[in-house]
């Protein structure tokens, strides 16, 4: 999770990417406090947030996130979003959602073999989550981004490795899938309570619907606790479209808007 913040910081200050990937960051840099939080957040299906920054930044629409309004005034920039489900999102998968990349290597024998074990499943999405969760035996941070075959061999990783490995399996099965970088709400993380933690997960298009896929927590998801900041092509560690979206995010603040 801290690696995700390292990606953001590297976009801001430039260079030293692999060095940053390998360095543990304090929780104060990998988390964002949730202002005005109530217990309702953990119970509801749709949640409203104001995401703001001291610098201009962009945020993305997803199948699970709708931008309700935006405000750019003086040095204050903010988005009001509804997180959980975006019924107005009708974008179909595109060619790149099935594309092989240097980080995925979907034709590698390691990926092909793992994909075969879930190919006949009635629910390959859930099976992929479980497979990856169990394959990455050591849940750890502070390793560089590595290709999917190496993830299965190393058996170590954080949310980034879980997302990359899952997407590799799904694309190997010809299921469109893509990587999302953003934050997930946590009741407690690294001694801090009620925070958003920088995170990476996946979205997959299956049975004519987009599904939120997160192998770090297999099973049913509370999609309202995810905030997406940008999509990641997984072609390189820092693709251009990702950097453009993330480069100006500084002093990020999240406020929970309870009704």
C-alpha atoms as a PDB file:
ATOM      1  CA  UNK A   1       0.000   0.000   0.000  1.00  0.00           C
ATOM      2  CA  UNK A   2       2.838   2.389   0.774  1.00  0.00           C
ATOM      3  CA  UNK A   3       4.240   1.583  -2.670  1.00  0.00           C
ATOM      4  CA  UNK A   4       1.189   3.273  -4.205  1.00  0.00           C
ATOM      5  CA  UNK A   5       2.064   6.500  -2.426  1.00  0.00           C
ATOM      6  CA  UNK A   6       5.619   6.107  -3.672  1.00  0.00           C
ATOM      7  CA  UNK A   7       4.257   6.061  -7.222  1.00  0.00           C
ATOM      8  CA  UNK A   8       2.413   9.297  -6.527  1.00  0.00           C
ATOM      9  CA  UNK A   9       5.427  10.975  -4.944  1.00  0.00           C
ATOM     10  CA  UNK A  10       7.704   9.881  -7.776  1.00  0.00           C
ATOM     11  CA  UNK A  11       5.365  11.597 -10.194  1.00  0.00           C
ATOM     12  CA  UNK A  12       5.653  14.808  -8.202  1.00  0.00           C
ATOM     13  CA  UNK A  13       9.368  14.937  -7.529  1.00  0.00           C
ATOM     14  CA  UNK A  14      10.576  12.781 -10.433  1.00  0.00           C
ATOM     15  CA  UNK A  15      13.134   9.976 -10.601  1.00  0.00           C
ATOM     16  CA  UNK A  16      14.395   7.442  -8.089  1.00  0.00           C
ATOM     17  CA  UNK A  17      11.327   5.264  -8.728  1.00  0.00           C
ATOM     18  CA  UNK A  18      12.815   1.893  -7.905  1.00  0.00           C
ATOM     19  CA  UNK A  19      14.503   3.376  -4.851  1.00  0.00           C
ATOM     20  CA  UNK A  20      11.199   4.758  -3.617  1.00  0.00           C
ATOM     21  CA  UNK A  21       9.471   1.436  -4.264  1.00  0.00           C
ATOM     22  CA  UNK A  22      11.913  -0.314  -1.960  1.00  0.00           C
ATOM     23  CA  UNK A  23      11.691   2.124   0.932  1.00  0.00           C
ATOM     24  CA  UNK A  24       9.141   1.737   3.741  1.00  0.00           C
ATOM     25  CA  UNK A  25       7.110   4.885   4.274  1.00  0.00           C
ATOM     26  CA  UNK A  26       5.584   6.045   7.553  1.00  0.00           C
ATOM     27  CA  UNK A  27       1.835   5.621   7.921  1.00  0.00           C
ATOM     28  CA  UNK A  28       1.442   9.402   7.895  1.00  0.00           C
ATOM     29  CA  UNK A  29       2.520   9.415   4.229  1.00  0.00           C
ATOM     30  CA  UNK A  30       0.586   6.347   3.091  1.00  0.00           C
ATOM     31  CA  UNK A  31      -2.733   7.313   4.672  1.00  0.00           C
ATOM     32  CA  UNK A  32      -5.256  10.142   4.513  1.00  0.00           C
ATOM     33  CA  UNK A  33      -7.439  10.817   7.589  1.00  0.00           C
ATOM     34  CA  UNK A  34     -11.201  10.647   7.002  1.00  0.00           C
ATOM     35  CA  UNK A  35     -12.755  13.835   8.363  1.00  0.00           C
ATOM     36  CA  UNK A  36     -16.275  13.775   9.860  1.00  0.00           C
ATOM     37  CA  UNK A  37     -16.479   9.983   9.705  1.00  0.00           C
ATOM     38  CA  UNK A  38     -19.369   8.145  11.387  1.00  0.00           C
ATOM     39  CA  UNK A  39     -20.158   4.455  11.792  1.00  0.00           C
ATOM     40  CA  UNK A  40     -22.639   4.788   8.939  1.00  0.00           C
ATOM     41  CA  UNK A  41     -19.783   4.521   6.435  1.00  0.00           C
ATOM     42  CA  UNK A  42     -19.276   0.849   7.293  1.00  0.00           C
ATOM     43  CA  UNK A  43     -22.991   0.062   7.005  1.00  0.00           C
ATOM     44  CA  UNK A  44     -24.182   1.809   3.828  1.00  0.00           C
ATOM     45  CA  UNK A  45     -23.738   0.813   0.181  1.00  0.00           C
ATOM     46  CA  UNK A  46     -23.287   4.293  -1.303  1.00  0.00           C
ATOM     47  CA  UNK A  47     -21.165   6.945   0.400  1.00  0.00           C
ATOM     48  CA  UNK A  48     -20.542  10.604  -0.350  1.00  0.00           C
ATOM     49  CA  UNK A  49     -17.099  12.143   0.007  1.00  0.00           C
ATOM     50  CA  UNK A  50     -15.429  15.450  -0.682  1.00  0.00           C
ATOM     51  CA  UNK A  51     -11.933  14.846  -2.013  1.00  0.00           C
ATOM     52  CA  UNK A  52      -9.874  18.037  -1.961  1.00  0.00           C
ATOM     53  CA  UNK A  53      -6.332  19.288  -2.479  1.00  0.00           C
ATOM     54  CA  UNK A  54      -4.325  22.494  -2.334  1.00  0.00           C
ATOM     55  CA  UNK A  55      -3.326  21.937  -5.971  1.00  0.00           C
ATOM     56  CA  UNK A  56      -5.381  21.248  -9.092  1.00  0.00           C
ATOM     57  CA  UNK A  57      -5.871  17.529  -9.646  1.00  0.00           C
ATOM     58  CA  UNK A  58      -8.153  15.154 -11.505  1.00  0.00           C
ATOM     59  CA  UNK A  59     -10.246  12.219 -10.369  1.00  0.00           C
ATOM     60  CA  UNK A  60     -11.825   9.540 -12.516  1.00  0.00           C
ATOM     61  CA  UNK A  61     -15.329   8.226 -13.115  1.00  0.00           C
ATOM     62  CA  UNK A  62     -15.622   4.462 -12.679  1.00  0.00           C
ATOM     63  CA  UNK A  63     -18.389   1.855 -12.552  1.00  0.00           C
ATOM     64  CA  UNK A  64     -18.301   2.363  -8.779  1.00  0.00           C
ATOM     65  CA  UNK A  65     -17.646   6.092  -8.505  1.00  0.00           C
ATOM     66  CA  UNK A  66     -19.619   9.059  -9.791  1.00  0.00           C
ATOM     67  CA  UNK A  67     -18.423  12.651  -9.752  1.00  0.00           C
ATOM     68  CA  UNK A  68     -21.360  14.743  -8.546  1.00  0.00           C
ATOM     69  CA  UNK A  69     -19.656  18.133  -8.700  1.00  0.00           C
ATOM     70  CA  UNK A  70     -16.269  19.805  -8.784  1.00  0.00           C
ATOM     71  CA  UNK A  71     -14.976  23.109  -7.503  1.00  0.00           C
ATOM     72  CA  UNK A  72     -11.832  24.931  -8.527  1.00  0.00           C
ATOM     73  CA  UNK A  73     -11.606  28.174  -6.573  1.00  0.00           C
ATOM     74  CA  UNK A  74      -8.460  30.141  -5.835  1.00  0.00           C
ATOM     75  CA  UNK A  75      -6.088  27.552  -4.367  1.00  0.00           C
ATOM     76  CA  UNK A  76      -8.787  25.116  -3.287  1.00  0.00           C
ATOM     77  CA  UNK A  77      -9.767  22.201  -5.506  1.00  0.00           C
ATOM     78  CA  UNK A  78     -12.435  19.673  -4.586  1.00  0.00           C
ATOM     79  CA  UNK A  79     -14.658  16.931  -5.958  1.00  0.00           C
ATOM     80  CA  UNK A  80     -17.881  15.645  -4.454  1.00  0.00           C
ATOM     81  CA  UNK A  81     -18.175  11.967  -5.318  1.00  0.00           C
ATOM     82  CA  UNK A  82     -20.606   9.127  -4.689  1.00  0.00           C
ATOM     83  CA  UNK A  83     -18.697   5.920  -4.078  1.00  0.00           C
ATOM     84  CA  UNK A  84     -20.208   2.450  -4.281  1.00  0.00           C
ATOM     85  CA  UNK A  85     -22.074   2.278  -7.588  1.00  0.00           C
ATOM     86  CA  UNK A  86     -22.309   4.485 -10.667  1.00  0.00           C
ATOM     87  CA  UNK A  87     -25.474   3.496 -12.524  1.00  0.00           C
ATOM     88  CA  UNK A  88     -24.712   6.010 -15.260  1.00  0.00           C
ATOM     89  CA  UNK A  89     -21.432   4.336 -16.212  1.00  0.00           C
ATOM     90  CA  UNK A  90     -21.921   2.445 -19.477  1.00  0.00           C
ATOM     91  CA  UNK A  91     -18.414   2.176 -20.893  1.00  0.00           C
ATOM     92  CA  UNK A  92     -17.643  -1.207 -22.425  1.00  0.00           C
ATOM     93  CA  UNK A  93     -14.191  -2.795 -22.305  1.00  0.00           C
ATOM     94  CA  UNK A  94     -11.656  -1.634 -24.874  1.00  0.00           C
ATOM     95  CA  UNK A  95      -8.888  -3.526 -26.616  1.00  0.00           C
ATOM     96  CA  UNK A  96      -6.236  -2.565 -24.080  1.00  0.00           C
ATOM     97  CA  UNK A  97      -8.254  -4.273 -21.312  1.00  0.00           C
ATOM     98  CA  UNK A  98      -7.226  -7.596 -22.877  1.00  0.00           C
ATOM     99  CA  UNK A  99      -3.744  -6.566 -23.968  1.00  0.00           C
ATOM    100  CA  UNK A 100      -0.582  -8.291 -22.829  1.00  0.00           C
ATOM    101  CA  UNK A 101       2.065  -6.078 -21.220  1.00  0.00           C
ATOM    102  CA  UNK A 102       5.567  -6.404 -19.853  1.00  0.00           C
ATOM    103  CA  UNK A 103       4.213  -6.557 -16.315  1.00  0.00           C
ATOM    104  CA  UNK A 104       1.458  -9.088 -17.080  1.00  0.00           C
ATOM    105  CA  UNK A 105       3.063 -11.605 -19.484  1.00  0.00           C
ATOM    106  CA  UNK A 106      -0.211 -13.466 -19.966  1.00  0.00           C
ATOM    107  CA  UNK A 107       1.334 -16.020 -22.335  1.00  0.00           C
ATOM    108  CA  UNK A 108       4.047 -17.001 -19.878  1.00  0.00           C
ATOM    109  CA  UNK A 109       3.725 -20.702 -18.906  1.00  0.00           C
ATOM    110  CA  UNK A 110       3.410 -19.792 -15.220  1.00  0.00           C
ATOM    111  CA  UNK A 111       0.385 -17.580 -15.901  1.00  0.00           C
ATOM    112  CA  UNK A 112      -1.140 -20.001 -18.402  1.00  0.00           C
ATOM    113  CA  UNK A 113      -0.872 -22.897 -15.957  1.00  0.00           C
ATOM    114  CA  UNK A 114      -2.490 -20.984 -13.100  1.00  0.00           C
ATOM    115  CA  UNK A 115      -5.237 -19.685 -15.392  1.00  0.00           C
ATOM    116  CA  UNK A 116      -6.067 -23.223 -16.517  1.00  0.00           C
ATOM    117  CA  UNK A 117      -6.887 -24.220 -12.948  1.00  0.00           C
ATOM    118  CA  UNK A 118      -9.802 -21.783 -12.845  1.00  0.00           C
ATOM    119  CA  UNK A 119     -10.795 -21.770 -16.526  1.00  0.00           C
ATOM    120  CA  UNK A 120     -13.795 -24.067 -16.019  1.00  0.00           C
ATOM    121  CA  UNK A 121     -15.011 -22.345 -12.860  1.00  0.00           C
ATOM    122  CA  UNK A 122     -18.555 -21.014 -12.752  1.00  0.00           C
ATOM    123  CA  UNK A 123     -17.152 -17.867 -11.109  1.00  0.00           C
ATOM    124  CA  UNK A 124     -13.618 -17.264 -12.423  1.00  0.00           C
ATOM    125  CA  UNK A 125     -13.496 -13.808 -10.839  1.00  0.00           C
ATOM    126  CA  UNK A 126     -13.840 -15.091  -7.292  1.00  0.00           C
ATOM    127  CA  UNK A 127     -11.596 -18.046  -8.095  1.00  0.00           C
ATOM    128  CA  UNK A 128      -8.895 -15.703  -9.392  1.00  0.00           C
ATOM    129  CA  UNK A 129      -9.088 -13.653  -6.193  1.00  0.00           C
ATOM    130  CA  UNK A 130      -8.760 -16.741  -4.019  1.00  0.00           C
ATOM    131  CA  UNK A 131      -5.953 -18.184  -6.124  1.00  0.00           C
ATOM    132  CA  UNK A 132      -3.883 -15.007  -5.968  1.00  0.00           C
ATOM    133  CA  UNK A 133      -4.586 -14.404  -2.284  1.00  0.00           C
ATOM    134  CA  UNK A 134      -3.367 -17.910  -1.429  1.00  0.00           C
ATOM    135  CA  UNK A 135      -0.453 -17.829  -3.877  1.00  0.00           C
ATOM    136  CA  UNK A 136       1.018 -14.681  -2.306  1.00  0.00           C
ATOM    137  CA  UNK A 137       1.839 -16.344   0.983  1.00  0.00           C
ATOM    138  CA  UNK A 138       3.815 -13.469   2.486  1.00  0.00           C
ATOM    139  CA  UNK A 139       1.855 -10.224   2.644  1.00  0.00           C
ATOM    140  CA  UNK A 140       4.614  -7.639   2.687  1.00  0.00           C
ATOM    141  CA  UNK A 141       5.549  -4.197   1.423  1.00  0.00           C
ATOM    142  CA  UNK A 142       8.755  -2.656   0.193  1.00  0.00           C
ATOM    143  CA  UNK A 143       9.527  -4.736  -2.916  1.00  0.00           C
ATOM    144  CA  UNK A 144       9.759  -3.330  -6.466  1.00  0.00           C
ATOM    145  CA  UNK A 145       6.965  -3.798  -8.975  1.00  0.00           C
ATOM    146  CA  UNK A 146       7.661  -7.130 -10.678  1.00  0.00           C
ATOM    147  CA  UNK A 147       5.971  -9.044 -13.539  1.00  0.00           C
ATOM    148  CA  UNK A 148       3.111 -11.415 -12.770  1.00  0.00           C
ATOM    149  CA  UNK A 149       5.071 -14.671 -13.327  1.00  0.00           C
ATOM    150  CA  UNK A 150       7.692 -13.533 -10.807  1.00  0.00           C
ATOM    151  CA  UNK A 151       4.954 -12.741  -8.293  1.00  0.00           C
ATOM    152  CA  UNK A 152       3.749 -16.348  -8.359  1.00  0.00           C
ATOM    153  CA  UNK A 153       7.319 -17.586  -7.990  1.00  0.00           C
ATOM    154  CA  UNK A 154       8.340 -15.151  -5.243  1.00  0.00           C
ATOM    155  CA  UNK A 155       5.045 -15.600  -3.355  1.00  0.00           C
ATOM    156  CA  UNK A 156       5.436 -12.174  -1.745  1.00  0.00           C
ATOM    157  CA  UNK A 157       3.750  -8.838  -2.254  1.00  0.00           C
ATOM    158  CA  UNK A 158       1.283  -6.148  -1.309  1.00  0.00           C
ATOM    159  CA  UNK A 159      -1.815  -4.814  -3.054  1.00  0.00           C
ATOM    160  CA  UNK A 160       0.148  -4.025  -6.211  1.00  0.00           C
ATOM    161  CA  UNK A 161       1.290  -7.619  -6.663  1.00  0.00           C
ATOM    162  CA  UNK A 162      -2.211  -8.915  -5.900  1.00  0.00           C
ATOM    163  CA  UNK A 163      -3.694  -6.646  -8.574  1.00  0.00           C
ATOM    164  CA  UNK A 164      -1.081  -7.422 -11.230  1.00  0.00           C
ATOM    165  CA  UNK A 165      -1.318 -11.183 -10.702  1.00  0.00           C
ATOM    166  CA  UNK A 166      -5.121 -11.133 -10.763  1.00  0.00           C
ATOM    167  CA  UNK A 167      -5.298  -9.075 -13.944  1.00  0.00           C
ATOM    168  CA  UNK A 168      -2.776 -11.379 -15.619  1.00  0.00           C
ATOM    169  CA  UNK A 169      -4.931 -14.415 -14.840  1.00  0.00           C
ATOM    170  CA  UNK A 170      -8.127 -12.762 -16.030  1.00  0.00           C
ATOM    171  CA  UNK A 171      -6.658 -11.500 -19.286  1.00  0.00           C
ATOM    172  CA  UNK A 172      -5.157 -14.947 -19.879  1.00  0.00           C
ATOM    173  CA  UNK A 173      -8.747 -16.215 -19.665  1.00  0.00           C
ATOM    174  CA  UNK A 174      -9.847 -13.514 -22.144  1.00  0.00           C
ATOM    175  CA  UNK A 175     -11.720 -11.618 -19.427  1.00  0.00           C
ATOM    176  CA  UNK A 176     -11.216  -7.842 -19.774  1.00  0.00           C
ATOM    177  CA  UNK A 177      -9.539  -6.435 -16.684  1.00  0.00           C
ATOM    178  CA  UNK A 178      -7.765  -3.218 -15.695  1.00  0.00           C
ATOM    179  CA  UNK A 179      -5.835  -1.785 -12.756  1.00  0.00           C
ATOM    180  CA  UNK A 180      -7.113   1.013 -10.530  1.00  0.00           C
ATOM    181  CA  UNK A 181      -4.985   3.125  -8.209  1.00  0.00           C
ATOM    182  CA  UNK A 182      -6.616   4.988  -5.367  1.00  0.00           C
ATOM    183  CA  UNK A 183      -7.476   4.524  -1.710  1.00  0.00           C
ATOM    184  CA  UNK A 184      -9.451   2.186   0.504  1.00  0.00           C
ATOM    185  CA  UNK A 185     -11.011   3.134   3.841  1.00  0.00           C
ATOM    186  CA  UNK A 186      -9.779   1.297   6.913  1.00  0.00           C
ATOM    187  CA  UNK A 187     -10.982   1.375  10.494  1.00  0.00           C
ATOM    188  CA  UNK A 188      -7.342   1.061  11.525  1.00  0.00           C
ATOM    189  CA  UNK A 189      -4.041   0.896   9.653  1.00  0.00           C
ATOM    190  CA  UNK A 190      -0.526   1.047  11.119  1.00  0.00           C
ATOM    191  CA  UNK A 191      -1.875   2.412  14.381  1.00  0.00           C
ATOM    192  CA  UNK A 192      -3.994   5.105  12.737  1.00  0.00           C
ATOM    193  CA  UNK A 193      -7.788   4.918  12.959  1.00  0.00           C
ATOM    194  CA  UNK A 194     -10.367   5.856  10.316  1.00  0.00           C
ATOM    195  CA  UNK A 195      -8.063   6.533   7.400  1.00  0.00           C
ATOM    196  CA  UNK A 196      -7.926   6.040   3.665  1.00  0.00           C
ATOM    197  CA  UNK A 197      -4.922   3.931   2.669  1.00  0.00           C
ATOM    198  CA  UNK A 198      -3.323   4.202  -0.768  1.00  0.00           C
ATOM    199  CA  UNK A 199      -4.262   1.021  -2.617  1.00  0.00           C
ATOM    200  CA  UNK A 200      -4.347  -0.777  -5.965  1.00  0.00           C
ATOM    201  CA  UNK A 201      -7.088  -3.132  -7.131  1.00  0.00           C
ATOM    202  CA  UNK A 202      -8.736  -4.324 -10.352  1.00  0.00           C
ATOM    203  CA  UNK A 203     -11.949  -4.057 -12.314  1.00  0.00           C
ATOM    204  CA  UNK A 204     -13.100  -6.924 -14.531  1.00  0.00           C
ATOM    205  CA  UNK A 205     -15.873  -7.094 -17.126  1.00  0.00           C
ATOM    206  CA  UNK A 206     -17.775 -10.359 -16.724  1.00  0.00           C
ATOM    207  CA  UNK A 207     -21.355 -11.337 -17.586  1.00  0.00           C
ATOM    208  CA  UNK A 208     -21.854  -7.895 -19.155  1.00  0.00           C
ATOM    209  CA  UNK A 209     -21.006  -5.997 -15.985  1.00  0.00           C
ATOM    210  CA  UNK A 210     -17.972  -4.396 -14.391  1.00  0.00           C
ATOM    211  CA  UNK A 211     -16.951  -5.994 -11.103  1.00  0.00           C
ATOM    212  CA  UNK A 212     -14.605  -4.645  -8.445  1.00  0.00           C
ATOM    213  CA  UNK A 213     -11.879  -7.244  -7.945  1.00  0.00           C
ATOM    214  CA  UNK A 214      -9.520  -7.093  -4.968  1.00  0.00           C
ATOM    215  CA  UNK A 215      -7.462 -10.189  -4.223  1.00  0.00           C
ATOM    216  CA  UNK A 216      -6.179  -8.701  -0.962  1.00  0.00           C
ATOM    217  CA  UNK A 217      -9.661  -9.343   0.449  1.00  0.00           C
ATOM    218  CA  UNK A 218     -11.419 -12.105  -1.549  1.00  0.00           C
ATOM    219  CA  UNK A 219     -15.189 -12.361  -1.500  1.00  0.00           C
ATOM    220  CA  UNK A 220     -17.967  -9.822  -1.297  1.00  0.00           C
ATOM    221  CA  UNK A 221     -16.821  -6.197  -1.426  1.00  0.00           C
ATOM    222  CA  UNK A 222     -18.016  -2.967   0.142  1.00  0.00           C
ATOM    223  CA  UNK A 223     -17.433  -0.890  -2.955  1.00  0.00           C
ATOM    224  CA  UNK A 224     -18.344   2.350  -1.149  1.00  0.00           C
ATOM    225  CA  UNK A 225     -15.051   2.349   0.767  1.00  0.00           C
ATOM    226  CA  UNK A 226     -12.914   2.613  -2.384  1.00  0.00           C
ATOM    227  CA  UNK A 227     -11.936   5.938  -3.970  1.00  0.00           C
ATOM    228  CA  UNK A 228     -10.364   5.652  -7.423  1.00  0.00           C
ATOM    229  CA  UNK A 229      -7.829   8.275  -8.457  1.00  0.00           C
ATOM    230  CA  UNK A 230      -6.579   6.897 -11.788  1.00  0.00           C
ATOM    231  CA  UNK A 231      -6.322   3.844 -14.005  1.00  0.00           C
ATOM    232  CA  UNK A 232      -2.935   2.211 -14.575  1.00  0.00           C
ATOM    233  CA  UNK A 233      -2.094   0.573 -17.928  1.00  0.00           C
ATOM    234  CA  UNK A 234       0.478  -1.822 -16.407  1.00  0.00           C
ATOM    235  CA  UNK A 235       2.628  -1.300 -19.487  1.00  0.00           C
ATOM    236  CA  UNK A 236       5.328   0.417 -17.430  1.00  0.00           C
ATOM    237  CA  UNK A 237       5.734   1.308 -13.779  1.00  0.00           C
ATOM    238  CA  UNK A 238       4.691   4.905 -14.539  1.00  0.00           C
ATOM    239  CA  UNK A 239       2.499   5.181 -17.678  1.00  0.00           C
ATOM    240  CA  UNK A 240       1.847   8.677 -18.991  1.00  0.00           C
ATOM    241  CA  UNK A 241      -1.907   8.742 -18.416  1.00  0.00           C
ATOM    242  CA  UNK A 242      -1.356   7.684 -14.814  1.00  0.00           C
ATOM    243  CA  UNK A 243       1.258  10.358 -14.171  1.00  0.00           C
ATOM    244  CA  UNK A 244      -0.924  13.074 -15.660  1.00  0.00           C
ATOM    245  CA  UNK A 245      -3.720  12.172 -13.263  1.00  0.00           C
ATOM    246  CA  UNK A 246      -1.543  11.812 -10.187  1.00  0.00           C
ATOM    247  CA  UNK A 247       1.178  14.431 -10.571  1.00  0.00           C
ATOM    248  CA  UNK A 248      -0.681  17.309  -8.917  1.00  0.00           C
ATOM    249  CA  UNK A 249      -2.171  15.471  -5.961  1.00  0.00           C
ATOM    250  CA  UNK A 250      -0.680  17.148  -2.908  1.00  0.00           C
ATOM    251  CA  UNK A 251      -2.024  17.617   0.602  1.00  0.00           C
ATOM    252  CA  UNK A 252      -4.958  15.378  -0.221  1.00  0.00           C
ATOM    253  CA  UNK A 253      -7.945  15.576   2.125  1.00  0.00           C
ATOM    254  CA  UNK A 254     -11.044  13.373   2.338  1.00  0.00           C
ATOM    255  CA  UNK A 255     -14.231  14.422   4.128  1.00  0.00           C
ATOM    256  CA  UNK A 256     -17.100  12.004   4.680  1.00  0.00           C
ATOM    257  CA  UNK A 257     -20.450  13.615   3.867  1.00  0.00           C
ATOM    258  CA  UNK A 258     -23.043  11.831   5.952  1.00  0.00           C
ATOM    259  CA  UNK A 259     -26.669  12.649   5.267  1.00  0.00           C
END
